[in-house]
Amino acid sequence: MNKLEDQMALISQIYLGGYPQVAPQQAESKPRRRRKKNKGGENNLSMTKKRKLSQEQVDLLEHHFGNEHKLESERKDRLASELGLDPRQVAVWFQNRRTRWKNKKLEEGFSKLKSDHDEVVLEKCRLESE
């Protein structure tokens, strides 16, 4: 057992000491934007009560979602100012709406496949009984 431990220590020394630590090359890209942390002295949206959107706001957001499912920065800012909302709220609403839209599409696809499958099973049974 002691010989095995000695061999393992030697191997770890070779691997750890034998190769210089090289940082992987990072591709030049634009820096990631981070949200600024609010220290609490200003209006802190996370501390205030979550407000429900009015029906007019939802209708306008739905209308814009119907035209295009993705938001560009300028469009998001314009919508936010029209609705009196924070641009982040508009972005989150679009993200949530896209998720609901994708789930609905998946459910519709599943229902179609299930009905097609049921028809094929009935046809198979009919053919087997002949």
Protein backbone atom coordinates (compact mmCIF):
# COMPACT_ATOMS: atom_id res chain seq x y z
CA MET A 1 0.00 0.00 0.00
CA ASN A 2 2.84 2.38 0.87
CA LYS A 3 4.50 1.76 -2.50
CA LEU A 4 1.25 2.62 -4.28
CA GLU A 5 0.95 5.87 -2.32
CA ASP A 6 4.54 6.76 -3.24
CA GLN A 7 3.80 6.12 -6.91
CA MET A 8 0.65 8.24 -6.77
CA ALA A 9 2.56 11.10 -5.09
CA LEU A 10 5.26 10.89 -7.78
CA ILE A 11 2.66 10.93 -10.56
CA SER A 12 0.85 13.90 -9.05
CA GLN A 13 4.15 15.78 -8.74
CA ILE A 14 4.91 15.09 -12.38
CA TYR A 15 1.52 16.21 -13.59
CA LEU A 16 1.24 19.23 -11.33
CA GLY A 17 4.84 20.38 -11.60
CA GLY A 18 5.64 19.27 -15.13
CA TYR A 19 3.21 21.46 -17.04
CA PRO A 20 3.03 25.21 -16.73
CA GLN A 21 -0.39 26.58 -15.94
CA VAL A 22 -1.59 28.18 -19.16
CA ALA A 23 -4.79 30.17 -19.25
CA PRO A 24 -6.99 29.32 -22.22
CA GLN A 25 -7.06 31.93 -24.98
CA GLN A 26 -10.15 34.04 -24.70
CA ALA A 27 -11.77 35.20 -27.88
CA GLU A 28 -12.13 38.91 -28.20
CA SER A 29 -15.78 39.69 -27.74
CA LYS A 30 -17.81 42.48 -26.38
CA PRO A 31 -17.94 42.51 -22.58
CA ARG A 32 -21.03 41.11 -20.93
CA ARG A 33 -23.35 43.68 -19.47
CA ARG A 34 -24.28 43.21 -15.87
CA ARG A 35 -27.17 44.71 -14.04
CA LYS A 36 -26.20 47.36 -11.55
CA LYS A 37 -26.84 46.40 -7.98
CA ASN A 38 -29.17 48.76 -6.21
CA LYS A 39 -27.95 49.66 -2.75
CA GLY A 40 -31.42 50.52 -1.49
CA GLY A 41 -31.26 54.31 -1.34
CA GLU A 42 -33.10 54.68 -4.65
CA ASN A 43 -36.36 53.19 -5.85
CA ASN A 44 -35.67 49.51 -5.48
CA LEU A 45 -38.01 47.55 -7.75
CA SER A 46 -37.15 44.25 -6.08
CA MET A 47 -38.25 45.62 -2.72
CA THR A 48 -41.53 47.10 -3.95
CA LYS A 49 -44.68 45.09 -4.40
CA LYS A 50 -45.02 43.38 -7.77
CA ARG A 51 -47.61 45.27 -9.80
CA LYS A 52 -50.04 43.59 -12.15
CA LEU A 53 -50.15 44.97 -15.68
CA SER A 54 -53.33 46.72 -16.74
CA GLN A 55 -55.46 45.17 -19.48
CA GLU A 56 -54.45 47.94 -21.89
CA GLN A 57 -50.77 47.23 -21.25
CA VAL A 58 -51.28 43.50 -21.80
CA ASP A 59 -53.29 44.14 -24.98
CA LEU A 60 -50.55 46.36 -26.40
CA LEU A 61 -47.84 43.87 -25.46
CA GLU A 62 -49.86 41.02 -27.04
CA HIS A 63 -50.33 43.10 -30.18
CA HIS A 64 -46.58 43.70 -30.47
CA PHE A 65 -45.87 40.05 -29.67
CA GLY A 66 -48.16 39.04 -32.52
CA ASN A 67 -46.07 41.11 -34.92
CA GLU A 68 -42.69 39.82 -33.77
CA HIS A 69 -41.70 37.45 -30.96
CA LYS A 70 -38.25 38.95 -30.35
CA LEU A 71 -37.41 42.42 -29.02
CA GLU A 72 -34.62 44.69 -30.15
CA SER A 73 -33.27 47.13 -27.60
CA GLU A 74 -34.80 50.20 -29.24
CA ARG A 75 -38.21 48.56 -29.55
CA LYS A 76 -38.08 47.43 -25.93
CA ASP A 77 -37.24 50.95 -24.74
CA ARG A 78 -39.98 52.50 -26.90
CA LEU A 79 -42.58 50.00 -25.63
CA ALA A 80 -41.52 50.55 -22.04
CA SER A 81 -41.89 54.31 -22.34
CA GLU A 82 -45.29 53.95 -24.08
CA LEU A 83 -46.56 51.67 -21.33
CA GLY A 84 -44.90 53.43 -18.39
CA LEU A 85 -42.93 50.31 -17.47
CA ASP A 86 -39.31 49.49 -16.83
CA PRO A 87 -37.58 48.08 -19.96
CA ARG A 88 -36.62 45.02 -17.92
CA GLN A 89 -40.31 44.35 -17.21
CA VAL A 90 -41.06 44.45 -20.93
CA ALA A 91 -38.16 42.10 -21.68
CA VAL A 92 -39.27 39.63 -19.00
CA TRP A 93 -42.87 39.77 -20.23
CA PHE A 94 -41.68 38.89 -23.75
CA GLN A 95 -39.51 36.05 -22.42
CA ASN A 96 -42.43 34.61 -20.47
CA ARG A 97 -44.79 35.04 -23.40
CA ARG A 98 -42.36 33.31 -25.78
CA THR A 99 -42.15 30.41 -23.33
CA ARG A 100 -45.94 30.12 -23.15
CA TRP A 101 -46.13 30.33 -26.95
CA LYS A 102 -43.53 27.56 -27.40
CA ASN A 103 -45.30 25.34 -24.86
CA LYS A 104 -48.61 25.86 -26.65
CA LYS A 105 -46.99 24.94 -29.97
CA LEU A 106 -45.55 21.78 -28.38
CA GLU A 107 -48.94 20.83 -26.95
CA GLU A 108 -50.60 21.38 -30.34
CA GLY A 109 -47.94 19.25 -32.04
CA PHE A 110 -48.37 16.52 -29.44
CA SER A 111 -52.16 16.54 -29.86
CA LYS A 112 -51.78 16.25 -33.64
CA LEU A 113 -49.32 13.37 -33.32
CA LYS A 114 -51.56 11.64 -30.79
CA SER A 115 -54.62 11.88 -33.04
CA ASP A 116 -52.57 10.63 -36.03
CA HIS A 117 -51.31 7.75 -33.89
CA ASP A 118 -54.82 6.88 -32.76
CA GLU A 119 -56.01 6.84 -36.39
CA VAL A 120 -53.13 4.56 -37.40
CA VAL A 121 -53.88 2.19 -34.49
CA LEU A 122 -57.56 2.03 -35.51
CA GLU A 123 -56.59 1.39 -39.12
CA LYS A 124 -54.20 -1.36 -38.00
CA CYS A 125 -56.93 -3.02 -35.93
CA ARG A 126 -59.35 -2.78 -38.83
CA LEU A 127 -56.81 -4.34 -41.18
CA GLU A 128 -55.99 -7.13 -38.71
CA SER A 129 -59.64 -8.01 -38.30
CA GLU A 130 -60.15 -8.38 -42.08
